[in-house]
Amino acid sequence: MLIRTITREDNKALANIIRDTLTEFKANKPGTVYYDERTDHLFEEFKTEWSVYFVAEEEGVIFGGGGIYPTENLPEGTCELVKLYLSAAARGKGIGKILMEKCIVAARELGYSKIYLETMPELTIAIPMYEKFGFTYLTSAQGNSGHTGCDVWMIKELY
């Protein structure tokens, strides 16, 4: 399994994985990345300074990805874990764990002290992984992601 940074050619495959996953878990609702136009342009979105997006690929097949992003209006020193999605074929093989580890290392290297995330109860498969990585629950959203359909908020201290 190759873990690398995103390229422009990955945009379509990643958008499909994200939307297919949200549909599978019945989380394809307004206020989520499902309807976010930026989902179709991840390579361009992750040209933003202080961000990085990793892609899991094997023999030319993209299995998913995840990244960190300096979401607007987050507390100082905080980035957001964003768009961590895997295709159905990739789940249960430790790929999500590898992507999460890469994101945590990258956040530290970029000087962040906390990682914030937003998710939904429908994505029950991911929440236990976040808990295992030390994310704790918040009572409200932080920053301005624009994803009002997410109502589970978590944070992790990096130091």
C-alpha atoms as a PDB file:
ATOM      1  CA  MET A   1       0.000   0.000   0.000  1.00  0.00           C
ATOM      2  CA  LEU A   2       1.402   3.351  -1.057  1.00  0.00           C
ATOM      3  CA  ILE A   3       0.506   6.433   0.989  1.00  0.00           C
ATOM      4  CA  ARG A   4       1.305   9.604  -0.946  1.00  0.00           C
ATOM      5  CA  THR A   5       0.130  13.183  -1.260  1.00  0.00           C
ATOM      6  CA  ILE A   6      -2.774  14.042  -3.532  1.00  0.00           C
ATOM      7  CA  THR A   7      -2.439  14.803  -7.240  1.00  0.00           C
ATOM      8  CA  ARG A   8      -4.940  16.481  -9.573  1.00  0.00           C
ATOM      9  CA  GLU A   9      -5.656  13.086 -11.164  1.00  0.00           C
ATOM     10  CA  ASP A  10      -7.018  11.808  -7.819  1.00  0.00           C
ATOM     11  CA  ASN A  11      -9.902  14.293  -7.660  1.00  0.00           C
ATOM     12  CA  LYS A  12     -12.596  12.214  -9.359  1.00  0.00           C
ATOM     13  CA  ALA A  13     -11.801   8.916  -7.613  1.00  0.00           C
ATOM     14  CA  LEU A  14     -11.694  10.546  -4.176  1.00  0.00           C
ATOM     15  CA  ALA A  15     -14.939  12.469  -4.726  1.00  0.00           C
ATOM     16  CA  ASN A  16     -16.593   9.192  -5.754  1.00  0.00           C
ATOM     17  CA  ILE A  17     -15.277   7.377  -2.655  1.00  0.00           C
ATOM     18  CA  ILE A  18     -16.497  10.165  -0.368  1.00  0.00           C
ATOM     19  CA  ARG A  19     -19.964  10.347  -1.900  1.00  0.00           C
ATOM     20  CA  ASP A  20     -20.330   6.560  -2.185  1.00  0.00           C
ATOM     21  CA  THR A  21     -19.421   6.169   1.489  1.00  0.00           C
ATOM     22  CA  LEU A  22     -21.874   8.833   2.605  1.00  0.00           C
ATOM     23  CA  THR A  23     -24.604   7.204   0.498  1.00  0.00           C
ATOM     24  CA  GLU A  24     -23.776   3.752   1.903  1.00  0.00           C
ATOM     25  CA  PHE A  25     -24.143   5.008   5.478  1.00  0.00           C
ATOM     26  CA  LYS A  26     -27.219   7.113   4.672  1.00  0.00           C
ATOM     27  CA  ALA A  27     -25.319  10.277   5.535  1.00  0.00           C
ATOM     28  CA  ASN A  28     -25.656  11.915   2.119  1.00  0.00           C
ATOM     29  CA  LYS A  29     -27.531  14.881   3.499  1.00  0.00           C
ATOM     30  CA  PRO A  30     -27.379  18.655   3.044  1.00  0.00           C
ATOM     31  CA  GLY A  31     -24.718  20.424   5.090  1.00  0.00           C
ATOM     32  CA  THR A  32     -22.127  17.667   4.513  1.00  0.00           C
ATOM     33  CA  VAL A  33     -19.192  17.183   2.156  1.00  0.00           C
ATOM     34  CA  TYR A  34     -21.603  15.247  -0.076  1.00  0.00           C
ATOM     35  CA  TYR A  35     -22.964  18.561  -1.355  1.00  0.00           C
ATOM     36  CA  ASP A  36     -19.760  20.564  -0.939  1.00  0.00           C
ATOM     37  CA  GLU A  37     -18.375  21.594  -4.324  1.00  0.00           C
ATOM     38  CA  ARG A  38     -14.846  21.490  -2.861  1.00  0.00           C
ATOM     39  CA  THR A  39     -15.166  17.682  -2.677  1.00  0.00           C
ATOM     40  CA  ASP A  40     -14.688  17.611  -6.461  1.00  0.00           C
ATOM     41  CA  HIS A  41     -11.514  19.711  -6.276  1.00  0.00           C
ATOM     42  CA  LEU A  42      -9.498  18.296  -3.389  1.00  0.00           C
ATOM     43  CA  PHE A  43      -6.130  18.714  -5.094  1.00  0.00           C
ATOM     44  CA  GLU A  44      -6.797  22.422  -5.578  1.00  0.00           C
ATOM     45  CA  GLU A  45      -8.205  22.779  -2.041  1.00  0.00           C
ATOM     46  CA  PHE A  46      -5.097  21.233  -0.504  1.00  0.00           C
ATOM     47  CA  LYS A  47      -2.761  23.704  -2.161  1.00  0.00           C
ATOM     48  CA  THR A  48      -3.722  25.860   0.822  1.00  0.00           C
ATOM     49  CA  GLU A  49      -0.770  26.647   3.069  1.00  0.00           C
ATOM     50  CA  TRP A  50      -0.562  24.532   6.257  1.00  0.00           C
ATOM     51  CA  SER A  51      -2.632  21.708   4.752  1.00  0.00           C
ATOM     52  CA  VAL A  52      -1.865  18.241   3.390  1.00  0.00           C
ATOM     53  CA  TYR A  53      -3.947  15.400   1.966  1.00  0.00           C
ATOM     54  CA  PHE A  54      -2.774  11.793   1.827  1.00  0.00           C
ATOM     55  CA  VAL A  55      -4.014   9.166  -0.620  1.00  0.00           C
ATOM     56  CA  ALA A  56      -3.923   5.394  -0.116  1.00  0.00           C
ATOM     57  CA  GLU A  57      -3.224   3.610  -3.390  1.00  0.00           C
ATOM     58  CA  GLU A  58      -2.264   0.122  -4.462  1.00  0.00           C
ATOM     59  CA  GLU A  59      -1.362  -0.871  -8.026  1.00  0.00           C
ATOM     60  CA  GLY A  60      -2.999   2.267  -9.369  1.00  0.00           C
ATOM     61  CA  VAL A  61      -6.262   1.780  -7.453  1.00  0.00           C
ATOM     62  CA  ILE A  62      -7.183   4.531  -5.005  1.00  0.00           C
ATOM     63  CA  PHE A  63      -8.660   3.216  -1.766  1.00  0.00           C
ATOM     64  CA  GLY A  64      -9.252   6.542  -0.027  1.00  0.00           C
ATOM     65  CA  GLY A  65      -7.547   9.382   1.721  1.00  0.00           C
ATOM     66  CA  GLY A  66      -7.530  11.901   4.532  1.00  0.00           C
ATOM     67  CA  GLY A  67      -5.962  15.199   5.384  1.00  0.00           C
ATOM     68  CA  ILE A  68      -5.500  18.117   7.703  1.00  0.00           C
ATOM     69  CA  TYR A  69      -6.654  21.602   6.910  1.00  0.00           C
ATOM     70  CA  PRO A  70      -6.470  25.059   8.544  1.00  0.00           C
ATOM     71  CA  THR A  71     -10.237  25.543   8.641  1.00  0.00           C
ATOM     72  CA  GLU A  72     -11.280  29.162   9.007  1.00  0.00           C
ATOM     73  CA  ASN A  73     -11.910  30.458  12.538  1.00  0.00           C
ATOM     74  CA  LEU A  74     -10.527  27.450  14.404  1.00  0.00           C
ATOM     75  CA  PRO A  75      -8.725  28.294  17.651  1.00  0.00           C
ATOM     76  CA  GLU A  76      -5.076  29.181  17.247  1.00  0.00           C
ATOM     77  CA  GLY A  77      -2.845  26.136  16.770  1.00  0.00           C
ATOM     78  CA  THR A  78      -5.744  23.914  15.673  1.00  0.00           C
ATOM     79  CA  CYS A  79      -6.215  22.185  12.324  1.00  0.00           C
ATOM     80  CA  GLU A  80      -9.116  20.055  11.168  1.00  0.00           C
ATOM     81  CA  LEU A  81      -8.948  16.391  10.190  1.00  0.00           C
ATOM     82  CA  VAL A  82     -10.904  16.365   6.946  1.00  0.00           C
ATOM     83  CA  LYS A  83     -12.273  13.996   4.363  1.00  0.00           C
ATOM     84  CA  LEU A  84     -10.922  10.772   5.849  1.00  0.00           C
ATOM     85  CA  TYR A  85     -12.836   8.248   3.754  1.00  0.00           C
ATOM     86  CA  LEU A  86     -12.123   4.742   2.479  1.00  0.00           C
ATOM     87  CA  SER A  87     -13.798   2.684  -0.205  1.00  0.00           C
ATOM     88  CA  ALA A  88     -15.808  -0.290   1.050  1.00  0.00           C
ATOM     89  CA  ALA A  89     -13.080  -2.641  -0.251  1.00  0.00           C
ATOM     90  CA  ALA A  90     -10.418  -0.878   1.844  1.00  0.00           C
ATOM     91  CA  ARG A  91     -12.137  -0.912   5.219  1.00  0.00           C
ATOM     92  CA  GLY A  92     -11.030  -3.219   8.018  1.00  0.00           C
ATOM     93  CA  LYS A  93      -7.466  -3.531   6.717  1.00  0.00           C
ATOM     94  CA  GLY A  94      -5.743  -0.895   8.846  1.00  0.00           C
ATOM     95  CA  ILE A  95      -5.601   1.685   6.048  1.00  0.00           C
ATOM     96  CA  GLY A  96      -7.649   4.214   8.020  1.00  0.00           C
ATOM     97  CA  LYS A  97      -5.260   3.830  10.942  1.00  0.00           C
ATOM     98  CA  ILE A  98      -2.258   4.441   8.673  1.00  0.00           C
ATOM     99  CA  LEU A  99      -3.887   7.554   7.184  1.00  0.00           C
ATOM    100  CA  MET A 100      -4.775   8.837  10.657  1.00  0.00           C
ATOM    101  CA  GLU A 101      -1.188   8.341  11.850  1.00  0.00           C
ATOM    102  CA  LYS A 102       0.130  10.206   8.792  1.00  0.00           C
ATOM    103  CA  CYS A 103      -2.260  13.089   9.473  1.00  0.00           C
ATOM    104  CA  ILE A 104      -1.253  13.315  13.139  1.00  0.00           C
ATOM    105  CA  VAL A 105       2.463  13.324  12.278  1.00  0.00           C
ATOM    106  CA  ALA A 106       1.895  15.950   9.578  1.00  0.00           C
ATOM    107  CA  ALA A 107      -0.104  18.149  11.963  1.00  0.00           C
ATOM    108  CA  ARG A 108       2.734  18.043  14.499  1.00  0.00           C
ATOM    109  CA  GLU A 109       5.333  18.764  11.802  1.00  0.00           C
ATOM    110  CA  LEU A 110       3.302  21.778  10.659  1.00  0.00           C
ATOM    111  CA  GLY A 111       3.271  23.083  14.219  1.00  0.00           C
ATOM    112  CA  TYR A 112      -0.332  22.429  15.193  1.00  0.00           C
ATOM    113  CA  SER A 113      -1.113  21.636  18.828  1.00  0.00           C
ATOM    114  CA  LYS A 114      -4.652  20.252  18.333  1.00  0.00           C
ATOM    115  CA  ILE A 115      -6.659  18.408  15.703  1.00  0.00           C
ATOM    116  CA  TYR A 116     -10.399  19.011  15.481  1.00  0.00           C
ATOM    117  CA  LEU A 117     -12.897  16.926  13.518  1.00  0.00           C
ATOM    118  CA  GLU A 118     -16.554  16.909  12.620  1.00  0.00           C
ATOM    119  CA  THR A 119     -18.551  13.785  11.855  1.00  0.00           C
ATOM    120  CA  MET A 120     -22.040  12.304  12.055  1.00  0.00           C
ATOM    121  CA  PRO A 121     -23.581   9.492  14.094  1.00  0.00           C
ATOM    122  CA  GLU A 122     -24.280   7.666  10.821  1.00  0.00           C
ATOM    123  CA  LEU A 123     -20.536   7.154  10.360  1.00  0.00           C
ATOM    124  CA  THR A 124     -20.376   4.780  13.303  1.00  0.00           C
ATOM    125  CA  ILE A 125     -17.524   2.847  11.733  1.00  0.00           C
ATOM    126  CA  ALA A 126     -15.133   5.812  12.137  1.00  0.00           C
ATOM    127  CA  ILE A 127     -16.002   7.118  15.596  1.00  0.00           C
ATOM    128  CA  PRO A 128     -14.363   4.245  17.564  1.00  0.00           C
ATOM    129  CA  MET A 129     -11.131   4.823  15.623  1.00  0.00           C
ATOM    130  CA  TYR A 130     -11.168   8.499  16.566  1.00  0.00           C
ATOM    131  CA  GLU A 131     -11.689   7.548  20.206  1.00  0.00           C
ATOM    132  CA  LYS A 132      -8.769   5.067  20.084  1.00  0.00           C
ATOM    133  CA  PHE A 133      -6.551   7.846  18.766  1.00  0.00           C
ATOM    134  CA  GLY A 134      -7.403  10.004  21.767  1.00  0.00           C
ATOM    135  CA  PHE A 135     -10.047  12.295  20.328  1.00  0.00           C
ATOM    136  CA  THR A 136     -12.530  13.516  22.936  1.00  0.00           C
ATOM    137  CA  TYR A 137     -16.002  14.930  22.445  1.00  0.00           C
ATOM    138  CA  LEU A 138     -16.895  18.613  22.294  1.00  0.00           C
ATOM    139  CA  THR A 139     -20.330  20.068  22.957  1.00  0.00           C
ATOM    140  CA  SER A 140     -20.336  22.385  19.931  1.00  0.00           C
ATOM    141  CA  ALA A 141     -18.686  22.997  16.593  1.00  0.00           C
ATOM    142  CA  GLN A 142     -15.487  24.974  16.202  1.00  0.00           C
ATOM    143  CA  GLY A 143     -14.379  26.963  13.192  1.00  0.00           C
ATOM    144  CA  ASN A 144     -16.286  27.576  10.008  1.00  0.00           C
ATOM    145  CA  SER A 145     -16.251  24.386   7.932  1.00  0.00           C
ATOM    146  CA  GLY A 146     -19.703  25.089   6.517  1.00  0.00           C
ATOM    147  CA  HIS A 147     -20.748  21.507   7.272  1.00  0.00           C
ATOM    148  CA  THR A 148     -23.828  22.124   9.368  1.00  0.00           C
ATOM    149  CA  GLY A 149     -24.985  18.524   8.808  1.00  0.00           C
ATOM    150  CA  CYS A 150     -22.261  17.285  11.147  1.00  0.00           C
ATOM    151  CA  ASP A 151     -23.285  17.110  14.776  1.00  0.00           C
ATOM    152  CA  VAL A 152     -20.477  15.145  16.404  1.00  0.00           C
ATOM    153  CA  TRP A 153     -17.400  17.237  17.205  1.00  0.00           C
ATOM    154  CA  MET A 154     -14.135  15.928  18.592  1.00  0.00           C
ATOM    155  CA  ILE A 155     -10.668  17.226  19.413  1.00  0.00           C
ATOM    156  CA  LYS A 156      -7.234  15.770  20.101  1.00  0.00           C
ATOM    157  CA  GLU A 157      -4.334  17.413  21.918  1.00  0.00           C
ATOM    158  CA  LEU A 158      -1.062  16.734  20.087  1.00  0.00           C
ATOM    159  CA  TYR A 159       1.342  17.534  22.922  1.00  0.00           C
END
